[in-house]
Protein backbone atom coordinates (compact mmCIF):
# COMPACT_ATOMS: atom_id res chain seq x y z
CA MET A 1 33.92 35.29 -47.72
CA GLN A 2 30.75 34.69 -46.01
CA LEU A 3 29.82 35.02 -42.33
CA GLY A 4 31.44 32.37 -40.38
CA GLN A 5 33.81 31.26 -43.34
CA PHE A 6 37.73 30.88 -42.87
CA VAL A 7 39.94 32.56 -45.63
CA SER A 8 42.79 30.14 -44.63
CA ARG A 9 42.51 26.49 -44.48
CA ALA A 10 43.87 24.02 -41.62
CA TRP A 11 47.41 22.89 -42.05
CA GLU A 12 48.07 20.01 -39.71
CA ILE A 13 51.84 19.97 -39.33
CA GLY A 14 54.11 20.37 -36.25
CA PRO A 15 53.45 19.96 -32.85
CA PRO A 16 49.98 18.92 -31.60
CA GLU A 17 49.81 21.88 -29.34
CA VAL A 18 49.97 24.42 -32.22
CA LEU A 19 47.14 25.23 -34.63
CA VAL A 20 48.60 26.14 -37.85
CA ARG A 21 46.52 27.80 -40.81
CA ARG A 22 47.70 28.93 -44.18
CA ILE A 23 46.71 31.16 -47.05
CA ASP A 24 47.79 30.13 -50.53
CA VAL A 25 47.85 33.73 -52.16
CA ALA A 26 47.12 32.06 -55.68
CA GLU A 27 44.02 30.62 -54.57
CA ILE A 28 42.39 34.00 -53.78
CA ALA A 29 43.99 36.06 -56.51
CA LEU A 30 42.51 37.42 -59.59
CA GLY A 31 44.66 38.69 -62.49
CA GLY A 32 48.07 38.20 -60.47
CA SER A 33 46.58 40.32 -57.46
CA VAL A 34 44.46 39.45 -54.40
CA ALA A 35 40.70 40.23 -54.88
CA ILE A 36 39.89 42.44 -51.81
CA GLY A 37 36.11 42.04 -51.57
CA PRO A 38 33.70 43.92 -48.99
CA ALA A 39 33.43 40.62 -46.99
CA PHE A 40 37.59 40.65 -46.34
CA VAL A 41 37.13 44.42 -45.20
CA ALA A 42 34.40 43.48 -42.93
CA ALA A 43 36.31 41.03 -41.08
CA LEU A 44 38.33 44.19 -39.60
CA THR A 45 37.51 46.33 -36.46
CA SER A 46 37.05 49.91 -36.92
CA GLY A 47 40.66 50.22 -35.89
CA GLU A 48 42.07 47.80 -37.93
CA HIS A 49 40.02 49.31 -41.07
CA GLU A 50 41.72 52.95 -40.33
CA THR A 51 45.10 51.29 -40.46
CA TRP A 52 44.52 49.53 -43.68
CA GLN A 53 43.32 52.41 -45.19
CA SER A 54 46.37 54.21 -44.09
CA LEU A 55 48.64 51.90 -45.81
CA THR A 56 48.95 54.05 -49.14
CA ALA A 57 52.15 53.16 -50.22
CA SER A 58 51.23 50.47 -52.45
CA ALA A 59 48.26 47.93 -53.03
CA SER A 60 50.27 44.97 -52.50
CA ARG A 61 51.17 46.18 -49.08
CA GLN A 62 47.67 46.53 -48.30
CA HIS A 63 47.26 43.00 -49.67
CA GLU A 64 50.13 41.67 -47.53
CA TRP A 65 48.68 43.33 -44.24
CA LEU A 66 45.07 42.50 -44.67
CA LEU A 67 46.05 38.58 -45.30
CA GLY A 68 48.12 38.76 -42.68
CA ARG A 69 45.20 39.82 -40.12
CA LEU A 70 42.84 37.46 -41.64
CA ALA A 71 45.25 34.35 -41.22
CA LEU A 72 46.07 35.57 -37.63
CA LYS A 73 42.32 35.96 -36.96
CA ASP A 74 41.12 32.61 -38.47
CA VAL A 75 43.83 30.84 -36.30
CA VAL A 76 42.47 32.60 -33.22
CA ARG A 77 38.87 31.45 -34.31
CA ALA A 78 39.77 27.96 -34.80
CA TRP A 79 41.41 27.71 -31.35
CA ALA A 80 38.15 29.40 -29.80
CA SER A 81 36.13 26.84 -31.66
CA GLU A 82 38.02 24.11 -29.98
CA ARG A 83 37.07 25.42 -26.74
CA GLY A 84 33.49 25.92 -27.54
CA GLN A 85 33.81 29.54 -28.64
CA THR A 86 32.37 30.81 -31.87
CA LEU A 87 33.76 33.79 -33.05
CA GLU A 88 33.57 35.96 -36.05
CA PRO A 89 36.76 37.90 -37.48
CA SER A 90 35.64 41.07 -36.18
CA ASP A 91 35.30 39.96 -32.94
CA ILE A 92 39.10 39.66 -32.79
CA GLU A 93 41.47 42.68 -32.73
CA ILE A 94 45.14 42.00 -33.86
CA HIS A 95 47.82 44.37 -32.33
CA ILE A 96 51.53 44.73 -32.67
CA ASP A 97 53.76 45.34 -29.66
CA ASP A 98 56.74 47.75 -29.41
CA GLU A 99 58.90 44.63 -30.69
CA GLY A 100 56.75 44.11 -34.01
CA ALA A 101 55.24 40.67 -32.67
CA PRO A 102 51.56 40.36 -33.06
CA PHE A 103 48.97 39.77 -30.45
CA ALA A 104 45.29 39.31 -30.06
CA ARG A 105 42.54 41.12 -28.15
CA CYS A 106 39.17 39.38 -27.93
CA ALA A 107 36.78 39.98 -24.82
CA ALA A 108 34.77 36.83 -25.64
CA LEU A 109 37.71 34.66 -24.69
CA SER A 110 38.06 35.82 -21.07
CA GLY A 111 36.19 32.92 -19.82
CA VAL A 112 38.61 30.55 -21.37
CA GLY A 113 41.81 31.92 -20.19
CA GLY A 114 42.22 34.85 -22.50
CA SER A 115 43.41 34.81 -26.01
CA PRO A 116 46.06 32.48 -27.44
CA VAL A 117 49.53 33.49 -28.34
CA ILE A 118 50.13 34.01 -32.09
CA SER A 119 52.85 34.27 -34.65
CA LEU A 120 52.79 34.98 -38.51
CA SER A 121 55.22 34.62 -41.44
CA HIS A 122 54.15 35.36 -45.12
CA ASN A 123 56.16 35.61 -48.36
CA SER A 124 55.25 36.29 -51.90
CA GLY A 125 52.97 33.07 -52.24
CA VAL A 126 51.86 31.91 -48.70
CA VAL A 127 50.85 33.40 -45.54
CA VAL A 128 50.81 31.17 -42.27
CA ALA A 129 49.88 32.18 -38.86
CA ALA A 130 50.27 29.69 -35.58
CA ALA A 131 48.45 29.98 -32.32
CA ALA A 132 48.92 28.16 -28.84
CA ASP A 133 47.55 28.36 -25.44
CA PRO A 134 48.30 31.58 -23.44
CA GLY A 135 51.43 31.73 -21.73
CA ALA A 136 53.13 29.61 -24.18
CA LEU A 137 56.08 30.81 -26.51
CA ILE A 138 55.14 30.35 -30.24
CA GLY A 139 57.20 31.19 -33.44
CA ILE A 140 56.71 30.28 -36.80
CA ASP A 141 58.55 31.18 -40.03
CA ILE A 142 58.21 29.93 -43.64
CA GLU A 143 60.84 30.35 -46.79
CA TYR A 144 60.66 28.88 -50.23
CA ALA A 145 63.39 26.46 -50.58
CA ASP A 146 65.25 28.26 -53.32
CA ARG A 147 65.54 31.52 -51.18
CA LYS A 148 68.98 32.96 -51.88
CA ILE A 149 71.29 32.41 -48.79
CA ASP A 150 74.74 33.64 -49.67
CA VAL A 151 74.89 36.28 -47.06
CA VAL A 152 73.48 34.17 -44.29
CA ALA A 153 75.99 31.34 -45.05
CA ARG A 154 78.85 33.93 -44.42
CA ALA A 155 77.34 34.52 -41.12
CA LEU A 156 77.19 31.17 -39.59
CA SER A 157 79.38 30.07 -36.84
CA GLU A 158 81.89 27.31 -36.86
CA THR A 159 79.42 24.99 -35.13
CA GLU A 160 76.76 25.91 -37.43
CA GLN A 161 78.96 25.45 -40.56
CA ALA A 162 79.93 22.05 -39.32
CA PHE A 163 76.24 21.08 -39.17
CA VAL A 164 75.66 22.33 -42.82
CA ASP A 165 79.05 20.34 -43.88
CA ALA A 166 77.74 17.15 -42.15
CA GLU A 167 74.47 17.62 -44.03
CA ALA A 168 72.51 17.54 -40.62
CA ALA A 169 70.74 20.86 -41.55
CA SER A 170 70.93 23.45 -44.23
CA VAL A 171 71.71 26.92 -44.30
CA LEU A 172 68.09 27.79 -44.92
CA ASP A 173 67.13 25.27 -41.93
CA ILE A 174 69.31 27.05 -39.68
CA LEU A 175 67.91 30.78 -40.70
CA VAL A 176 64.29 29.55 -40.45
CA ALA A 177 64.84 28.17 -37.08
CA LYS A 178 66.52 31.31 -35.93
CA GLU A 179 63.65 33.29 -37.15
CA ALA A 180 61.02 31.10 -35.69
CA ALA A 181 62.97 31.26 -32.20
CA THR A 182 63.30 34.90 -32.14
CA LYS A 183 59.57 35.33 -32.99
CA ALA A 184 58.77 32.88 -29.97
CA LEU A 185 60.40 35.48 -27.78
CA GLY A 186 58.89 38.40 -29.55
CA VAL A 187 61.78 40.28 -30.63
CA GLY A 188 62.40 38.98 -34.15
CA LEU A 189 65.98 38.20 -35.89
CA GLY A 190 66.36 41.87 -37.01
CA GLY A 191 69.25 40.84 -39.09
CA GLY A 192 71.42 39.49 -36.24
CA VAL A 193 71.99 36.01 -37.56
CA SER A 194 75.08 35.41 -35.68
CA ARG A 195 73.68 36.56 -32.43
CA TRP A 196 71.50 33.48 -32.22
CA PRO A 197 73.59 30.69 -31.94
CA VAL A 198 72.38 27.12 -33.09
CA VAL A 199 74.00 24.57 -30.63
CA SER A 200 72.58 21.22 -31.68
CA VAL A 201 70.82 19.39 -34.54
CA THR A 202 68.83 16.55 -34.07
CA PRO A 203 67.55 14.53 -37.07
CA LEU A 204 63.76 13.34 -36.94
CA PRO A 205 61.59 11.26 -39.17
CA GLN A 206 59.90 14.16 -40.17
CA GLY A 207 62.42 16.82 -40.27
CA VAL A 208 65.29 18.05 -37.97
CA MET A 209 64.89 19.70 -34.45
CA VAL A 210 67.15 22.86 -34.22
CA ASP A 211 68.19 24.19 -30.70
CA VAL A 212 68.80 27.86 -30.93
CA THR A 213 70.28 29.65 -27.66
CA SER A 214 68.82 33.06 -26.61
CA THR A 215 70.65 36.27 -26.50
CA THR A 216 67.88 37.97 -24.43
CA ASP A 217 67.28 35.11 -21.80
CA LEU A 218 70.54 33.82 -20.92
CA GLY A 219 70.57 30.03 -20.63
CA LEU A 220 67.24 29.49 -22.44
CA VAL A 221 67.40 27.08 -25.33
CA LEU A 222 64.68 27.28 -27.97
CA PRO A 223 63.82 24.03 -29.83
CA VAL A 224 62.55 24.65 -33.27
CA LEU A 225 60.96 22.05 -35.37
CA VAL A 226 61.98 22.44 -39.01
CA LEU A 227 60.14 20.77 -41.76
CA HIS A 228 60.35 20.54 -45.69
CA PRO A 229 56.60 20.74 -47.01
CA LEU A 230 56.66 20.92 -50.62
CA ASP A 231 58.72 23.72 -52.10
CA THR A 232 59.16 25.51 -48.68
CA VAL A 233 61.12 25.22 -45.41
CA LEU A 234 59.00 25.70 -42.21
CA GLY A 235 60.29 26.35 -38.83
CA ILE A 236 58.05 26.21 -35.80
CA CYS A 237 59.29 26.94 -32.27
CA TYR A 238 56.96 25.98 -29.35
CA ILE A 239 57.42 25.85 -25.55
CA ALA A 240 54.64 24.87 -23.45
CA PRO A 241 53.09 27.44 -20.59
CA ASP A 242 54.94 27.34 -17.32
CA ILE A 243 52.19 25.90 -15.19
CA ASP A 244 54.08 26.26 -12.28
CA ALA A 245 54.42 30.32 -12.83
CA ALA A 246 50.89 30.51 -13.46
């Protein structure tokens, strides 16, 4: 990784208002583990570097944390580039709020309305990060299509089970939609699968639109575009900024 380079690659998928980037872990792995070079670590701010060094539980935990930070920094940099701003990874600091949701701080973006809203998802082989304009709601989730879903299936409501029986959506589609929707609200699913009911499923040429109702903002319906790229299921929840409230 050299100055100005991206670790992730652009992934042109989902709503046009949302930037998505992905890291395929196998592409930057050596001998089955991620090769952490000095340039990767140099992408961190001093505060992030301290956090990274404090993750002593396992090397894999350090790798997972670092790749997540790099993906988020990349998607913020890509968003900034579209607005005429050239940033290095160390110009951006990623923080986690009290609910576990990531957010970015970057002084250089104050002139373009501030940092974008961001979201992150990862599993053993892929890391994905999304960004959208300040004030929007954005949540992303990705799972391998062969993930075991027995526990989730038992937690479906009658309405959700009817969608599955009618083959309008799979159990994994519903899970990914709920994960993305709760991330968009910055709260996360936290194991409460049944607390975020799916109320409608609409087939689309490229996937399905799954509407999830919020348990924290009564009356709010969160639309999630669920896609099936390669051997994964990807959910993107996006709600545009409320211009009238700005």
